[in-house]
Amino acid sequence: MKIKKGDTVQIISGKDKNKTGKVLRSFPSTEQVLVENVNLRKKHQKPKKGGQKGQIIEKTYPVHISNVALVDPKTKKKTKVGKKLVNGKFVRVSKKSGTLLN
């Protein structure tokens, strides 16, 4: 997976199109990422204790990686990710500006 935790991404399709946010967590097995303040849904929560009231909380749900694009840290525009061999290790590189992403 080319998108990792801590990357800044832009949503390219869906109800949150053109929103940007930081990746909080990635799920490689399902090819999804959790982006802050994107794909929010309201969840009804039951009271946990006797005297407590139920509440409605907003929760962030994962987005498929095909619906997000990485934002280049240099140009602040969406870009594709490439690989480059540096000191015997492959590192992620921005296709637009050529900056290292790791």
PDB file of N, CA and C in Angstrom:
ATOM      1  N   MET A   1       0.842  -1.171   0.000  1.00  0.00           N
ATOM      2  CA  MET A   1       0.000   0.000   0.000  1.00  0.00           C
ATOM      3  C   MET A   1       0.891   1.238   0.000  1.00  0.00           C
ATOM      4  N   LYS A   2       0.574   2.200  -0.834  1.00  0.00           N
ATOM      5  CA  LYS A   2       1.434   3.372  -1.005  1.00  0.00           C
ATOM      6  C   LYS A   2       1.112   4.514  -0.051  1.00  0.00           C
ATOM      7  N   ILE A   3      -0.019   4.437   0.630  1.00  0.00           N
ATOM      8  CA  ILE A   3      -0.405   5.481   1.571  1.00  0.00           C
ATOM      9  C   ILE A   3      -0.233   4.932   2.984  1.00  0.00           C
ATOM     10  N   LYS A   4       0.432   5.731   3.834  1.00  0.00           N
ATOM     11  CA  LYS A   4       0.741   5.275   5.190  1.00  0.00           C
ATOM     12  C   LYS A   4       0.218   6.259   6.228  1.00  0.00           C
ATOM     13  N   LYS A   5       0.292   5.834   7.482  1.00  0.00           N
ATOM     14  CA  LYS A   5      -0.143   6.671   8.597  1.00  0.00           C
ATOM     15  C   LYS A   5       0.698   7.951   8.647  1.00  0.00           C
ATOM     16  N   GLY A   6       0.037   9.082   8.835  1.00  0.00           N
ATOM     17  CA  GLY A   6       0.730  10.362   8.915  1.00  0.00           C
ATOM     18  C   GLY A   6       0.759  11.136   7.606  1.00  0.00           C
ATOM     19  N   ASP A   7       0.422  10.485   6.493  1.00  0.00           N
ATOM     20  CA  ASP A   7       0.397  11.170   5.190  1.00  0.00           C
ATOM     21  C   ASP A   7      -0.809  12.108   5.115  1.00  0.00           C
ATOM     22  N   THR A   8      -0.668  13.177   4.351  1.00  0.00           N
ATOM     23  CA  THR A   8      -1.787  14.066   4.075  1.00  0.00           C
ATOM     24  C   THR A   8      -2.385  13.651   2.739  1.00  0.00           C
ATOM     25  N   VAL A   9      -3.698  13.415   2.720  1.00  0.00           N
ATOM     26  CA  VAL A   9      -4.367  12.945   1.509  1.00  0.00           C
ATOM     27  C   VAL A   9      -5.545  13.842   1.178  1.00  0.00           C
ATOM     28  N   GLN A  10      -5.967  13.769  -0.085  1.00  0.00           N
ATOM     29  CA  GLN A  10      -7.134  14.507  -0.563  1.00  0.00           C
ATOM     30  C   GLN A  10      -8.144  13.497  -1.074  1.00  0.00           C
ATOM     31  N   ILE A  11      -9.410  13.692  -0.739  1.00  0.00           N
ATOM     32  CA  ILE A  11     -10.479  12.806  -1.194  1.00  0.00           C
ATOM     33  C   ILE A  11     -10.813  13.194  -2.636  1.00  0.00           C
ATOM     34  N   ILE A  12     -10.851  12.211  -3.541  1.00  0.00           N
ATOM     35  CA  ILE A  12     -11.068  12.524  -4.955  1.00  0.00           C
ATOM     36  C   ILE A  12     -12.446  12.111  -5.459  1.00  0.00           C
ATOM     37  N   SER A  13     -13.243  11.425  -4.613  1.00  0.00           N
ATOM     38  CA  SER A  13     -14.609  11.087  -5.021  1.00  0.00           C
ATOM     39  C   SER A  13     -15.475  10.887  -3.787  1.00  0.00           C
ATOM     40  N   GLY A  14     -16.780  10.988  -3.989  1.00  0.00           N
ATOM     41  CA  GLY A  14     -17.724  10.780  -2.901  1.00  0.00           C
ATOM     42  C   GLY A  14     -18.239  12.078  -2.312  1.00  0.00           C
ATOM     43  N   LYS A  15     -18.932  11.966  -1.190  1.00  0.00           N
ATOM     44  CA  LYS A  15     -19.573  13.135  -0.582  1.00  0.00           C
ATOM     45  C   LYS A  15     -18.573  14.131  -0.001  1.00  0.00           C
ATOM     46  N   ASP A  16     -17.372  13.674   0.329  1.00  0.00           N
ATOM     47  CA  ASP A  16     -16.343  14.538   0.899  1.00  0.00           C
ATOM     48  C   ASP A  16     -15.276  14.932  -0.121  1.00  0.00           C
ATOM     49  N   LYS A  17     -15.642  14.987  -1.390  1.00  0.00           N
ATOM     50  CA  LYS A  17     -14.699  15.291  -2.459  1.00  0.00           C
ATOM     51  C   LYS A  17     -13.977  16.612  -2.212  1.00  0.00           C
ATOM     52  N   ASN A  18     -12.678  16.649  -2.482  1.00  0.00           N
ATOM     53  CA  ASN A  18     -11.778  17.797  -2.343  1.00  0.00           C
ATOM     54  C   ASN A  18     -11.419  18.144  -0.909  1.00  0.00           C
ATOM     55  N   LYS A  19     -11.858  17.368   0.068  1.00  0.00           N
ATOM     56  CA  LYS A  19     -11.438  17.598   1.453  1.00  0.00           C
ATOM     57  C   LYS A  19     -10.065  16.968   1.657  1.00  0.00           C
ATOM     58  N   THR A  20      -9.254  17.594   2.502  1.00  0.00           N
ATOM     59  CA  THR A  20      -7.949  17.037   2.815  1.00  0.00           C
ATOM     60  C   THR A  20      -7.880  16.715   4.304  1.00  0.00           C
ATOM     61  N   GLY A  21      -7.041  15.757   4.627  1.00  0.00           N
ATOM     62  CA  GLY A  21      -6.870  15.382   6.023  1.00  0.00           C
ATOM     63  C   GLY A  21      -5.689  14.453   6.196  1.00  0.00           C
ATOM     64  N   LYS A  22      -5.346  14.226   7.433  1.00  0.00           N
ATOM     65  CA  LYS A  22      -4.211  13.383   7.774  1.00  0.00           C
ATOM     66  C   LYS A  22      -4.688  11.949   7.988  1.00  0.00           C
ATOM     67  N   VAL A  23      -3.913  10.977   7.531  1.00  0.00           N
ATOM     68  CA  VAL A  23      -4.253   9.573   7.703  1.00  0.00           C
ATOM     69  C   VAL A  23      -3.963   9.185   9.151  1.00  0.00           C
ATOM     70  N   LEU A  24      -4.994   8.736   9.849  1.00  0.00           N
ATOM     71  CA  LEU A  24      -4.853   8.332  11.238  1.00  0.00           C
ATOM     72  C   LEU A  24      -4.452   6.864  11.367  1.00  0.00           C
ATOM     73  N   ARG A  25      -4.942   6.051  10.445  1.00  0.00           N
ATOM     74  CA  ARG A  25      -4.668   4.620  10.485  1.00  0.00           C
ATOM     75  C   ARG A  25      -4.895   4.030   9.105  1.00  0.00           C
ATOM     76  N   SER A  26      -4.138   2.985   8.770  1.00  0.00           N
ATOM     77  CA  SER A  26      -4.338   2.318   7.489  1.00  0.00           C
ATOM     78  C   SER A  26      -4.668   0.848   7.739  1.00  0.00           C
ATOM     79  N   PHE A  27      -5.500   0.301   6.870  1.00  0.00           N
ATOM     80  CA  PHE A  27      -5.921  -1.090   6.948  1.00  0.00           C
ATOM     81  C   PHE A  27      -5.520  -1.789   5.638  1.00  0.00           C
ATOM     82  N   PRO A  28      -4.305  -2.340   5.564  1.00  0.00           N
ATOM     83  CA  PRO A  28      -3.825  -2.943   4.315  1.00  0.00           C
ATOM     84  C   PRO A  28      -4.643  -4.147   3.842  1.00  0.00           C
ATOM     85  N   SER A  29      -5.216  -4.910   4.758  1.00  0.00           N
ATOM     86  CA  SER A  29      -5.964  -6.107   4.356  1.00  0.00           C
ATOM     87  C   SER A  29      -7.227  -5.751   3.578  1.00  0.00           C
ATOM     88  N   THR A  30      -7.882  -4.645   3.927  1.00  0.00           N
ATOM     89  CA  THR A  30      -9.099  -4.220   3.226  1.00  0.00           C
ATOM     90  C   THR A  30      -8.841  -3.047   2.285  1.00  0.00           C
ATOM     91  N   GLU A  31      -7.602  -2.599   2.204  1.00  0.00           N
ATOM     92  CA  GLU A  31      -7.190  -1.468   1.358  1.00  0.00           C
ATOM     93  C   GLU A  31      -7.977  -0.205   1.685  1.00  0.00           C
ATOM     94  N   GLN A  32      -8.069   0.126   2.978  1.00  0.00           N
ATOM     95  CA  GLN A  32      -8.773   1.315   3.420  1.00  0.00           C
ATOM     96  C   GLN A  32      -7.894   2.135   4.347  1.00  0.00           C
ATOM     97  N   VAL A  33      -8.215   3.425   4.441  1.00  0.00           N
ATOM     98  CA  VAL A  33      -7.500   4.324   5.351  1.00  0.00           C
ATOM     99  C   VAL A  33      -8.521   5.128   6.146  1.00  0.00           C
ATOM    100  N   LEU A  34      -8.135   5.510   7.357  1.00  0.00           N
ATOM    101  CA  LEU A  34      -8.962   6.334   8.219  1.00  0.00           C
ATOM    102  C   LEU A  34      -8.402   7.746   8.169  1.00  0.00           C
ATOM    103  N   VAL A  35      -9.181   8.688   7.633  1.00  0.00           N
ATOM    104  CA  VAL A  35      -8.732  10.070   7.457  1.00  0.00           C
ATOM    105  C   VAL A  35      -9.512  10.952   8.431  1.00  0.00           C
ATOM    106  N   GLU A  36      -8.786  11.851   9.126  1.00  0.00           N
ATOM    107  CA  GLU A  36      -9.446  12.684  10.132  1.00  0.00           C
ATOM    108  C   GLU A  36     -10.453  13.643   9.500  1.00  0.00           C
ATOM    109  N   ASN A  37     -11.614  13.759  10.144  1.00  0.00           N
ATOM    110  CA  ASN A  37     -12.713  14.645   9.740  1.00  0.00           C
ATOM    111  C   ASN A  37     -13.243  14.379   8.337  1.00  0.00           C
ATOM    112  N   VAL A  38     -13.154  13.136   7.888  1.00  0.00           N
ATOM    113  CA  VAL A  38     -13.688  12.748   6.576  1.00  0.00           C
ATOM    114  C   VAL A  38     -14.524  11.487   6.777  1.00  0.00           C
ATOM    115  N   ASN A  39     -15.628  11.372   6.037  1.00  0.00           N
ATOM    116  CA  ASN A  39     -16.535  10.224   6.107  1.00  0.00           C
ATOM    117  C   ASN A  39     -17.103  10.076   7.524  1.00  0.00           C
ATOM    118  N   LEU A  40     -17.610  11.176   8.052  1.00  0.00           N
ATOM    119  CA  LEU A  40     -18.203  11.177   9.386  1.00  0.00           C
ATOM    120  C   LEU A  40     -19.621  10.620   9.332  1.00  0.00           C
ATOM    121  N   ARG A  41     -19.967   9.808  10.321  1.00  0.00           N
ATOM    122  CA  ARG A  41     -21.310   9.269  10.441  1.00  0.00           C
ATOM    123  C   ARG A  41     -21.752   9.415  11.882  1.00  0.00           C
ATOM    124  N   LYS A  42     -23.057   9.531  12.072  1.00  0.00           N
ATOM    125  CA  LYS A  42     -23.601   9.648  13.425  1.00  0.00           C
ATOM    126  C   LYS A  42     -23.929   8.257  13.945  1.00  0.00           C
ATOM    127  N   LYS A  43     -23.481   7.984  15.167  1.00  0.00           N
ATOM    128  CA  LYS A  43     -23.714   6.690  15.783  1.00  0.00           C
ATOM    129  C   LYS A  43     -24.488   6.901  17.081  1.00  0.00           C
ATOM    130  N   HIS A  44     -25.575   6.171  17.240  1.00  0.00           N
ATOM    131  CA  HIS A  44     -26.384   6.248  18.449  1.00  0.00           C
ATOM    132  C   HIS A  44     -25.795   5.300  19.477  1.00  0.00           C
ATOM    133  N   GLN A  45     -25.459   5.843  20.633  1.00  0.00           N
ATOM    134  CA  GLN A  45     -24.810   5.063  21.673  1.00  0.00           C
ATOM    135  C   GLN A  45     -25.757   4.900  22.862  1.00  0.00           C
ATOM    136  N   LYS A  46     -25.911   3.665  23.317  1.00  0.00           N
ATOM    137  CA  LYS A  46     -26.769   3.387  24.460  1.00  0.00           C
ATOM    138  C   LYS A  46     -26.074   3.828  25.742  1.00  0.00           C
ATOM    139  N   PRO A  47     -26.863   4.095  26.796  1.00  0.00           N
ATOM    140  CA  PRO A  47     -26.236   4.437  28.077  1.00  0.00           C
ATOM    141  C   PRO A  47     -25.478   3.240  28.646  1.00  0.00           C
ATOM    142  N   LYS A  48     -24.312   3.502  29.203  1.00  0.00           N
ATOM    143  CA  LYS A  48     -23.486   2.422  29.738  1.00  0.00           C
ATOM    144  C   LYS A  48     -23.804   2.135  31.204  1.00  0.00           C
ATOM    145  N   LYS A  49     -24.176   3.161  31.960  1.00  0.00           N
ATOM    146  CA  LYS A  49     -24.503   3.004  33.383  1.00  0.00           C
ATOM    147  C   LYS A  49     -25.972   3.346  33.611  1.00  0.00           C
ATOM    148  N   GLY A  50     -26.462   3.058  34.766  1.00  0.00           N
ATOM    149  CA  GLY A  50     -27.876   3.249  35.073  1.00  0.00           C
ATOM    150  C   GLY A  50     -28.378   4.667  34.940  1.00  0.00           C
ATOM    151  N   GLY A  51     -27.668   5.648  35.493  1.00  0.00           N
ATOM    152  CA  GLY A  51     -28.132   7.025  35.485  1.00  0.00           C
ATOM    153  C   GLY A  51     -27.701   7.826  34.264  1.00  0.00           C
ATOM    154  N   GLN A  52     -26.974   7.225  33.389  1.00  0.00           N
ATOM    155  CA  GLN A  52     -26.430   7.932  32.224  1.00  0.00           C
ATOM    156  C   GLN A  52     -27.449   7.972  31.089  1.00  0.00           C
ATOM    157  N   LYS A  53     -27.350   9.007  30.259  1.00  0.00           N
ATOM    158  CA  LYS A  53     -28.241   9.121  29.107  1.00  0.00           C
ATOM    159  C   LYS A  53     -27.552   8.592  27.858  1.00  0.00           C
ATOM    160  N   GLY A  54     -28.360   8.163  26.895  1.00  0.00           N
ATOM    161  CA  GLY A  54     -27.826   7.774  25.593  1.00  0.00           C
ATOM    162  C   GLY A  54     -27.417   9.016  24.835  1.00  0.00           C
ATOM    163  N   GLN A  55     -26.538   8.860  23.864  1.00  0.00           N
ATOM    164  CA  GLN A  55     -26.066  10.031  23.125  1.00  0.00           C
ATOM    165  C   GLN A  55     -25.785   9.675  21.673  1.00  0.00           C
ATOM    166  N   ILE A  56     -25.690  10.714  20.860  1.00  0.00           N
ATOM    167  CA  ILE A  56     -25.345  10.547  19.455  1.00  0.00           C
ATOM    168  C   ILE A  56     -23.941  11.095  19.277  1.00  0.00           C
ATOM    169  N   ILE A  57     -23.029  10.261  18.796  1.00  0.00           N
ATOM    170  CA  ILE A  57     -21.644  10.695  18.584  1.00  0.00           C
ATOM    171  C   ILE A  57     -21.316  10.622  17.100  1.00  0.00           C
ATOM    172  N   GLU A  58     -20.425  11.511  16.651  1.00  0.00           N
ATOM    173  CA  GLU A  58     -19.946  11.467  15.273  1.00  0.00           C
ATOM    174  C   GLU A  58     -18.669  10.660  15.243  1.00  0.00           C
ATOM    175  N   LYS A  59     -18.607   9.710  14.327  1.00  0.00           N
ATOM    176  CA  LYS A  59     -17.485   8.795  14.251  1.00  0.00           C
ATOM    177  C   LYS A  59     -16.919   8.815  12.836  1.00  0.00           C
ATOM    178  N   THR A  60     -15.601   8.724  12.734  1.00  0.00           N
ATOM    179  CA  THR A  60     -14.939   8.681  11.430  1.00  0.00           C
ATOM    180  C   THR A  60     -14.850   7.233  10.972  1.00  0.00           C
ATOM    181  N   TYR A  61     -15.260   6.986   9.737  1.00  0.00           N
ATOM    182  CA  TYR A  61     -15.205   5.646   9.161  1.00  0.00           C
ATOM    183  C   TYR A  61     -14.154   5.585   8.055  1.00  0.00           C
ATOM    184  N   PRO A  62     -13.610   4.392   7.772  1.00  0.00           N
ATOM    185  CA  PRO A  62     -12.563   4.263   6.754  1.00  0.00           C
ATOM    186  C   PRO A  62     -13.047   4.563   5.337  1.00  0.00           C
ATOM    187  N   VAL A  63     -12.091   4.960   4.478  1.00  0.00           N
ATOM    188  CA  VAL A  63     -12.334   5.261   3.073  1.00  0.00           C
ATOM    189  C   VAL A  63     -11.419   4.355   2.255  1.00  0.00           C
ATOM    190  N   HIS A  64     -11.897   3.864   1.122  1.00  0.00           N
ATOM    191  CA  HIS A  64     -11.069   3.018   0.266  1.00  0.00           C
ATOM    192  C   HIS A  64      -9.940   3.844  -0.357  1.00  0.00           C
ATOM    193  N   ILE A  65      -8.772   3.221  -0.530  1.00  0.00           N
ATOM    194  CA  ILE A  65      -7.610   3.979  -1.020  1.00  0.00           C
ATOM    195  C   ILE A  65      -7.755   4.436  -2.462  1.00  0.00           C
ATOM    196  N   SER A  66      -8.690   3.834  -3.216  1.00  0.00           N
ATOM    197  CA  SER A  66      -8.906   4.290  -4.586  1.00  0.00           C
ATOM    198  C   SER A  66      -9.601   5.643  -4.616  1.00  0.00           C
ATOM    199  N   ASN A  67     -10.169   6.059  -3.481  1.00  0.00           N
ATOM    200  CA  ASN A  67     -10.878   7.338  -3.402  1.00  0.00           C
ATOM    201  C   ASN A  67     -10.046   8.446  -2.782  1.00  0.00           C
ATOM    202  N   VAL A  68      -8.764   8.186  -2.513  1.00  0.00           N
ATOM    203  CA  VAL A  68      -7.890   9.210  -1.957  1.00  0.00           C
ATOM    204  C   VAL A  68      -6.637   9.349  -2.812  1.00  0.00           C
ATOM    205  N   ALA A  69      -6.059  10.548  -2.790  1.00  0.00           N
ATOM    206  CA  ALA A  69      -4.801  10.819  -3.492  1.00  0.00           C
ATOM    207  C   ALA A  69      -3.858  11.507  -2.521  1.00  0.00           C
ATOM    208  N   LEU A  70      -2.615  11.143  -2.574  1.00  0.00           N
ATOM    209  CA  LEU A  70      -1.607  11.721  -1.696  1.00  0.00           C
ATOM    210  C   LEU A  70      -1.343  13.175  -2.076  1.00  0.00           C
ATOM    211  N   VAL A  71      -1.166  14.039  -1.078  1.00  0.00           N
ATOM    212  CA  VAL A  71      -0.870  15.449  -1.312  1.00  0.00           C
ATOM    213  C   VAL A  71       0.640  15.640  -1.201  1.00  0.00           C
ATOM    214  N   ASP A  72       1.225  16.255  -2.226  1.00  0.00           N
ATOM    215  CA  ASP A  72       2.664  16.518  -2.252  1.00  0.00           C
ATOM    216  C   ASP A  72       3.000  17.565  -1.193  1.00  0.00           C
ATOM    217  N   PRO A  73       3.959  17.279  -0.295  1.00  0.00           N
ATOM    218  CA  PRO A  73       4.275  18.255   0.755  1.00  0.00           C
ATOM    219  C   PRO A  73       4.910  19.542   0.230  1.00  0.00           C
ATOM    220  N   LYS A  74       5.501  19.478  -0.947  1.00  0.00           N
ATOM    221  CA  LYS A  74       6.168  20.660  -1.507  1.00  0.00           C
ATOM    222  C   LYS A  74       5.195  21.563  -2.263  1.00  0.00           C
ATOM    223  N   THR A  75       4.398  20.988  -3.168  1.00  0.00           N
ATOM    224  CA  THR A  75       3.500  21.775  -4.010  1.00  0.00           C
ATOM    225  C   THR A  75       2.083  21.892  -3.463  1.00  0.00           C
ATOM    226  N   LYS A  76       1.741  21.079  -2.450  1.00  0.00           N
ATOM    227  CA  LYS A  76       0.407  21.055  -1.846  1.00  0.00           C
ATOM    228  C   LYS A  76      -0.684  20.675  -2.846  1.00  0.00           C
ATOM    229  N   LYS A  77      -0.337  19.899  -3.869  1.00  0.00           N
ATOM    230  CA  LYS A  77      -1.292  19.392  -4.844  1.00  0.00           C
ATOM    231  C   LYS A  77      -1.239  17.873  -4.826  1.00  0.00           C
ATOM    232  N   LYS A  78      -2.324  17.240  -5.313  1.00  0.00           N
ATOM    233  CA  LYS A  78      -2.334  15.785  -5.286  1.00  0.00           C
ATOM    234  C   LYS A  78      -1.327  15.219  -6.288  1.00  0.00           C
ATOM    235  N   THR A  79      -0.752  14.087  -5.929  1.00  0.00           N
ATOM    236  CA  THR A  79       0.307  13.491  -6.724  1.00  0.00           C
ATOM    237  C   THR A  79       0.242  11.976  -6.643  1.00  0.00           C
ATOM    238  N   LYS A  80       0.954  11.323  -7.527  1.00  0.00           N
ATOM    239  CA  LYS A  80       1.096   9.875  -7.483  1.00  0.00           C
ATOM    240  C   LYS A  80       2.392   9.541  -6.757  1.00  0.00           C
ATOM    241  N   VAL A  81       2.496   8.284  -6.326  1.00  0.00           N
ATOM    242  CA  VAL A  81       3.652   7.849  -5.553  1.00  0.00           C
ATOM    243  C   VAL A  81       4.496   6.897  -6.392  1.00  0.00           C
ATOM    244  N   GLY A  82       5.810   7.112  -6.370  1.00  0.00           N
ATOM    245  CA  GLY A  82       6.739   6.219  -7.047  1.00  0.00           C
ATOM    246  C   GLY A  82       7.750   5.675  -6.054  1.00  0.00           C
ATOM    247  N   LYS A  83       8.576   4.743  -6.530  1.00  0.00           N
ATOM    248  CA  LYS A  83       9.624   4.179  -5.685  1.00  0.00           C
ATOM    249  C   LYS A  83      10.974   4.502  -6.280  1.00  0.00           C
ATOM    250  N   LYS A  84      11.953   4.684  -5.404  1.00  0.00           N
ATOM    251  CA  LYS A  84      13.308   5.001  -5.830  1.00  0.00           C
ATOM    252  C   LYS A  84      14.275   4.266  -4.917  1.00  0.00           C
ATOM    253  N   LEU A  85      15.363   3.765  -5.473  1.00  0.00           N
ATOM    254  CA  LEU A  85      16.359   3.043  -4.700  1.00  0.00           C
ATOM    255  C   LEU A  85      17.388   4.018  -4.154  1.00  0.00           C
ATOM    256  N   VAL A  86      17.462   4.128  -2.819  1.00  0.00           N
ATOM    257  CA  VAL A  86      18.405   5.018  -2.157  1.00  0.00           C
ATOM    258  C   VAL A  86      19.141   4.213  -1.085  1.00  0.00           C
ATOM    259  N   ASN A  87      20.455   4.136  -1.198  1.00  0.00           N
ATOM    260  CA  ASN A  87      21.297   3.413  -0.237  1.00  0.00           C
ATOM    261  C   ASN A  87      20.855   1.968  -0.027  1.00  0.00           C
ATOM    262  N   GLY A  88      20.454   1.304  -1.102  1.00  0.00           N
ATOM    263  CA  GLY A  88      20.058  -0.097  -1.022  1.00  0.00           C
ATOM    264  C   GLY A  88      18.648  -0.338  -0.533  1.00  0.00           C
ATOM    265  N   LYS A  89      17.878   0.728  -0.277  1.00  0.00           N
ATOM    266  CA  LYS A  89      16.495   0.586   0.174  1.00  0.00           C
ATOM    267  C   LYS A  89      15.574   1.374  -0.748  1.00  0.00           C
ATOM    268  N   PHE A  90      14.366   0.843  -0.945  1.00  0.00           N
ATOM    269  CA  PHE A  90      13.378   1.566  -1.723  1.00  0.00           C
ATOM    270  C   PHE A  90      12.664   2.569  -0.835  1.00  0.00           C
ATOM    271  N   VAL A  91      12.520   3.803  -1.320  1.00  0.00           N
ATOM    272  CA  VAL A  91      11.804   4.848  -0.598  1.00  0.00           C
ATOM    273  C   VAL A  91      10.685   5.387  -1.483  1.00  0.00           C
ATOM    274  N   ARG A  92       9.672   5.953  -0.848  1.00  0.00           N
ATOM    275  CA  ARG A  92       8.563   6.545  -1.604  1.00  0.00           C
ATOM    276  C   ARG A  92       8.949   7.942  -2.080  1.00  0.00           C
ATOM    277  N   VAL A  93       8.584   8.230  -3.331  1.00  0.00           N
ATOM    278  CA  VAL A  93       8.945   9.509  -3.953  1.00  0.00           C
ATOM    279  C   VAL A  93       7.696  10.101  -4.597  1.00  0.00           C
ATOM    280  N   SER A  94       7.533  11.412  -4.474  1.00  0.00           N
ATOM    281  CA  SER A  94       6.443  12.117  -5.139  1.00  0.00           C
ATOM    282  C   SER A  94       6.751  12.224  -6.623  1.00  0.00           C
ATOM    283  N   LYS A  95       5.788  11.879  -7.466  1.00  0.00           N
ATOM    284  CA  LYS A  95       5.997  11.926  -8.915  1.00  0.00           C
ATOM    285  C   LYS A  95       6.062  13.364  -9.440  1.00  0.00           C
ATOM    286  N   LYS A  96       5.334  14.296  -8.796  1.00  0.00           N
ATOM    287  CA  LYS A  96       5.304  15.678  -9.278  1.00  0.00           C
ATOM    288  C   LYS A  96       6.589  16.438  -9.004  1.00  0.00           C
ATOM    289  N   SER A  97       7.051  16.410  -7.739  1.00  0.00           N
ATOM    290  CA  SER A  97       8.207  17.225  -7.387  1.00  0.00           C
ATOM    291  C   SER A  97       9.471  16.416  -7.162  1.00  0.00           C
ATOM    292  N   GLY A  98       9.346  15.111  -6.987  1.00  0.00           N
ATOM    293  CA  GLY A  98      10.511  14.269  -6.765  1.00  0.00           C
ATOM    294  C   GLY A  98      11.005  14.253  -5.332  1.00  0.00           C
ATOM    295  N   THR A  99      10.241  14.803  -4.391  1.00  0.00           N
ATOM    296  CA  THR A  99      10.664  14.819  -2.997  1.00  0.00           C
ATOM    297  C   THR A  99      10.425  13.465  -2.348  1.00  0.00           C
ATOM    298  N   LEU A 100      11.252  13.133  -1.369  1.00  0.00           N
ATOM    299  CA  LEU A 100      11.106  11.881  -0.635  1.00  0.00           C
ATOM    300  C   LEU A 100       9.939  12.011   0.336  1.00  0.00           C
ATOM    301  N   LEU A 101       9.156  10.949   0.481  1.00  0.00           N
ATOM    302  CA  LEU A 101       7.980  10.983   1.335  1.00  0.00           C
ATOM    303  C   LEU A 101       8.191  10.250   2.658  1.00  0.00           C
ATOM    304  N   ASN A 102       9.243   9.490   2.797  1.00  0.00           N
ATOM    305  CA  ASN A 102       9.462   8.728   4.045  1.00  0.00           C
ATOM    306  C   ASN A 102      10.061   9.570   5.121  1.00  0.00           C
TER     307      ASN A 102
END
